[in-house]
Amino acid sequence: MNENISFFVMMAAIFAIFYFMIIRPQNKRMKDHRDMVANLRRGDTVVFSGGLIGKIKKVMENDEAIVEVADGVQLKIVKQSVTEVRAKSEPSADQ
């Protein structure tokens, strides 16, 4: 009987360690990324997962955006590929 209780206590302790050291921080990172992608605005300077840096020209409804990476060079990207927002723009009236 004592072995069963100690086994369950040990398993609960291992689960708690995994939860607080692995699962919870990963969920927080996912939530932060989801919030960052949802708050992308025209004029934001962003970094993509491939390392490109560009400025958002237009945010579309279907999880896509038009980004200018050089003068006259625009790319259509999936917003989930944005890993970092370097500079936030001021909100404008047309957004």
C-alpha atoms as a PDB file:
ATOM      1  CA  MET A   1       0.000   0.000   0.000  1.00  0.00           C
ATOM      2  CA  ASN A   2       2.787   2.429   0.914  1.00  0.00           C
ATOM      3  CA  GLU A   3       4.545   1.697  -2.407  1.00  0.00           C
ATOM      4  CA  ASN A   4       1.399   2.635  -4.358  1.00  0.00           C
ATOM      5  CA  ILE A   5       1.078   5.987  -2.610  1.00  0.00           C
ATOM      6  CA  SER A   6       4.736   6.847  -3.097  1.00  0.00           C
ATOM      7  CA  PHE A   7       4.456   5.883  -6.797  1.00  0.00           C
ATOM      8  CA  PHE A   8       1.501   8.241  -7.330  1.00  0.00           C
ATOM      9  CA  VAL A   9       3.218  11.060  -5.419  1.00  0.00           C
ATOM     10  CA  MET A  10       6.337  10.615  -7.556  1.00  0.00           C
ATOM     11  CA  MET A  11       4.306  10.610 -10.789  1.00  0.00           C
ATOM     12  CA  ALA A  12       2.443  13.757  -9.697  1.00  0.00           C
ATOM     13  CA  ALA A  13       5.763  15.459  -8.904  1.00  0.00           C
ATOM     14  CA  ILE A  14       7.187  14.541 -12.317  1.00  0.00           C
ATOM     15  CA  PHE A  15       4.047  15.827 -14.060  1.00  0.00           C
ATOM     16  CA  ALA A  16       4.225  19.094 -12.091  1.00  0.00           C
ATOM     17  CA  ILE A  17       7.869  19.557 -13.074  1.00  0.00           C
ATOM     18  CA  PHE A  18       7.076  18.934 -16.754  1.00  0.00           C
ATOM     19  CA  TYR A  19       4.110  21.299 -16.606  1.00  0.00           C
ATOM     20  CA  PHE A  20       5.944  24.230 -15.037  1.00  0.00           C
ATOM     21  CA  MET A  21       9.213  23.797 -16.950  1.00  0.00           C
ATOM     22  CA  ILE A  22       8.026  22.736 -20.417  1.00  0.00           C
ATOM     23  CA  ILE A  23       4.292  22.919 -21.120  1.00  0.00           C
ATOM     24  CA  ARG A  24       3.410  26.248 -19.485  1.00  0.00           C
ATOM     25  CA  PRO A  25       6.290  28.301 -21.013  1.00  0.00           C
ATOM     26  CA  GLN A  26       5.570  26.852 -24.474  1.00  0.00           C
ATOM     27  CA  ASN A  27       1.882  27.771 -24.198  1.00  0.00           C
ATOM     28  CA  LYS A  28       2.863  31.307 -23.154  1.00  0.00           C
ATOM     29  CA  ARG A  29       5.194  31.660 -26.169  1.00  0.00           C
ATOM     30  CA  MET A  30       2.440  30.426 -28.483  1.00  0.00           C
ATOM     31  CA  LYS A  31      -0.052  32.905 -27.015  1.00  0.00           C
ATOM     32  CA  ASP A  32       2.436  35.785 -27.305  1.00  0.00           C
ATOM     33  CA  HIS A  33       3.127  34.928 -30.971  1.00  0.00           C
ATOM     34  CA  ARG A  34      -0.599  34.639 -31.730  1.00  0.00           C
ATOM     35  CA  ASP A  35      -1.204  38.072 -30.150  1.00  0.00           C
ATOM     36  CA  MET A  36       1.737  39.599 -32.052  1.00  0.00           C
ATOM     37  CA  VAL A  37       0.432  38.269 -35.388  1.00  0.00           C
ATOM     38  CA  ALA A  38      -3.093  39.490 -34.626  1.00  0.00           C
ATOM     39  CA  ASN A  39      -1.792  43.007 -33.899  1.00  0.00           C
ATOM     40  CA  LEU A  40       0.260  43.479 -37.084  1.00  0.00           C
ATOM     41  CA  ARG A  41      -0.427  46.875 -38.681  1.00  0.00           C
ATOM     42  CA  ARG A  42       0.584  48.716 -41.833  1.00  0.00           C
ATOM     43  CA  GLY A  43       3.978  50.346 -41.339  1.00  0.00           C
ATOM     44  CA  ASP A  44       5.336  47.780 -38.852  1.00  0.00           C
ATOM     45  CA  THR A  45       8.902  46.637 -39.517  1.00  0.00           C
ATOM     46  CA  VAL A  46       8.964  42.855 -39.164  1.00  0.00           C
ATOM     47  CA  VAL A  47      11.407  39.926 -39.325  1.00  0.00           C
ATOM     48  CA  PHE A  48      10.341  36.690 -41.032  1.00  0.00           C
ATOM     49  CA  SER A  49      11.286  33.167 -40.040  1.00  0.00           C
ATOM     50  CA  GLY A  50      13.691  33.069 -43.014  1.00  0.00           C
ATOM     51  CA  GLY A  51      15.551  36.138 -41.764  1.00  0.00           C
ATOM     52  CA  LEU A  52      14.162  38.735 -44.184  1.00  0.00           C
ATOM     53  CA  ILE A  53      13.289  42.154 -42.790  1.00  0.00           C
ATOM     54  CA  GLY A  54      10.528  44.226 -44.349  1.00  0.00           C
ATOM     55  CA  LYS A  55       7.823  46.800 -43.787  1.00  0.00           C
ATOM     56  CA  ILE A  56       4.153  45.843 -43.915  1.00  0.00           C
ATOM     57  CA  LYS A  57       2.297  47.685 -46.675  1.00  0.00           C
ATOM     58  CA  LYS A  58      -1.111  46.005 -46.390  1.00  0.00           C
ATOM     59  CA  VAL A  59      -2.696  43.523 -43.988  1.00  0.00           C
ATOM     60  CA  MET A  60      -5.319  41.295 -45.593  1.00  0.00           C
ATOM     61  CA  GLU A  61      -8.205  39.451 -43.956  1.00  0.00           C
ATOM     62  CA  ASN A  62      -7.111  35.922 -44.913  1.00  0.00           C
ATOM     63  CA  ASP A  63      -4.004  35.763 -42.678  1.00  0.00           C
ATOM     64  CA  GLU A  64      -1.808  37.264 -45.386  1.00  0.00           C
ATOM     65  CA  ALA A  65       0.038  40.545 -45.738  1.00  0.00           C
ATOM     66  CA  ILE A  66       1.901  42.486 -48.407  1.00  0.00           C
ATOM     67  CA  VAL A  67       5.426  43.370 -47.243  1.00  0.00           C
ATOM     68  CA  GLU A  68       8.010  45.605 -48.919  1.00  0.00           C
ATOM     69  CA  VAL A  69      11.507  44.154 -48.499  1.00  0.00           C
ATOM     70  CA  ALA A  70      13.309  46.622 -50.822  1.00  0.00           C
ATOM     71  CA  ASP A  71      12.359  49.662 -52.874  1.00  0.00           C
ATOM     72  CA  GLY A  72       9.639  48.454 -55.231  1.00  0.00           C
ATOM     73  CA  VAL A  73       9.913  44.783 -54.153  1.00  0.00           C
ATOM     74  CA  GLN A  74       6.769  43.550 -52.448  1.00  0.00           C
ATOM     75  CA  LEU A  75       6.045  40.038 -51.210  1.00  0.00           C
ATOM     76  CA  LYS A  76       2.802  38.380 -50.197  1.00  0.00           C
ATOM     77  CA  ILE A  77       3.459  36.515 -46.962  1.00  0.00           C
ATOM     78  CA  VAL A  78       1.554  34.434 -44.454  1.00  0.00           C
ATOM     79  CA  LYS A  79       1.369  36.418 -41.206  1.00  0.00           C
ATOM     80  CA  GLN A  80       2.342  33.359 -39.140  1.00  0.00           C
ATOM     81  CA  SER A  81       5.843  33.524 -40.685  1.00  0.00           C
ATOM     82  CA  VAL A  82       6.552  36.767 -38.801  1.00  0.00           C
ATOM     83  CA  THR A  83       8.824  36.020 -35.854  1.00  0.00           C
ATOM     84  CA  GLU A  84       9.489  39.531 -34.531  1.00  0.00           C
ATOM     85  CA  VAL A  85       8.147  43.055 -34.809  1.00  0.00           C
ATOM     86  CA  ARG A  86      11.118  45.439 -34.776  1.00  0.00           C
ATOM     87  CA  ALA A  87       9.282  48.770 -34.948  1.00  0.00           C
ATOM     88  CA  LYS A  88       5.596  49.388 -34.370  1.00  0.00           C
ATOM     89  CA  SER A  89       3.814  51.987 -36.447  1.00  0.00           C
ATOM     90  CA  GLU A  90       1.296  54.462 -35.128  1.00  0.00           C
ATOM     91  CA  PRO A  91      -2.307  53.358 -35.766  1.00  0.00           C
ATOM     92  CA  SER A  92      -3.901  55.238 -38.625  1.00  0.00           C
ATOM     93  CA  ALA A  93      -7.533  56.029 -39.324  1.00  0.00           C
ATOM     94  CA  ASP A  94      -7.745  53.748 -42.409  1.00  0.00           C
ATOM     95  CA  GLN A  95      -7.018  50.481 -40.561  1.00  0.00           C
END
